[in-house]
Structure formats: structure tokens, C-alpha cells
């Protein structure tokens, strides 16, 4: 993952075209995700 650490702070809502999924949208609820890469290779990244 690049960057190796980040905070994603965007509102998410259900996707009306695929209700089992979510998307970023102006009517969405507040969502904040913080991640940090612990290790990675060419195929996978282990996140905390």
C-alpha cells in the first residue's frame, strides 16, 4: 500500500446500484479509517 500509513476520512453510503456495497457520497455517514502497513510484497500488504 502506498502511502505506508494514512487516515481516510470520507462519508460513506450504500451504493444504490449494488446495495451490498458502499461508496463515498455526500449523503453518507461519517467514516474514518486509519491504517499502517506492517509488511508487504508484490502481491499483498499486511495492515494494522
Protein backbone atom coordinates (compact mmCIF):
# COMPACT_ATOMS: atom_id res chain seq x y z
CA UNK A 1 0.00 0.00 0.00
CA UNK A 2 1.18 3.47 -0.78
CA UNK A 3 1.35 5.58 1.24
CA UNK A 4 2.59 3.29 4.02
CA UNK A 5 0.24 4.92 6.52
CA UNK A 6 -2.79 7.17 6.16
CA UNK A 7 -6.10 8.36 7.55
CA UNK A 8 -9.11 8.11 5.23
CA UNK A 9 -11.85 10.48 6.42
CA UNK A 10 -14.79 10.47 3.99
CA UNK A 11 -18.56 9.90 4.27
CA UNK A 12 -19.82 6.52 3.03
CA UNK A 13 -23.27 5.42 1.91
CA UNK A 14 -24.84 2.34 0.33
CA UNK A 15 -24.39 2.06 -3.40
CA UNK A 16 -27.92 2.11 -4.91
CA UNK A 17 -26.73 0.14 -7.97
CA UNK A 18 -25.25 -2.61 -5.77
CA UNK A 19 -26.84 -2.42 -2.28
CA UNK A 20 -24.41 -4.93 -0.76
CA UNK A 21 -21.57 -2.43 -1.35
CA UNK A 22 -20.74 1.08 -0.19
CA UNK A 23 -19.39 4.21 -1.85
CA UNK A 24 -18.24 7.68 -0.90
CA UNK A 25 -21.17 10.06 -1.11
CA UNK A 26 -22.35 13.44 0.16
CA UNK A 27 -25.35 11.92 2.00
CA UNK A 28 -23.20 9.26 3.67
CA UNK A 29 -22.36 8.77 7.31
CA UNK A 30 -19.05 9.93 8.73
CA UNK A 31 -16.38 7.22 8.40
CA UNK A 32 -12.75 7.39 9.44
CA UNK A 33 -10.19 4.65 8.74
CA UNK A 34 -6.59 4.72 9.94
CA UNK A 35 -4.11 2.20 8.58
CA UNK A 36 -0.40 1.45 8.76
CA UNK A 37 1.49 -1.05 6.58
CA UNK A 38 3.26 -3.68 8.71
CA UNK A 39 4.79 -5.64 5.81
CA UNK A 40 4.25 -6.12 2.09
CA UNK A 41 5.44 -7.89 -1.03
CA UNK A 42 4.50 -7.59 -4.71
CA UNK A 43 1.09 -9.23 -4.18
CA UNK A 44 -0.07 -8.47 -0.60
CA UNK A 45 0.16 -5.97 2.23
CA UNK A 46 -0.37 -6.67 5.92
CA UNK A 47 -2.09 -3.69 7.54
CA UNK A 48 -2.74 -2.62 11.08
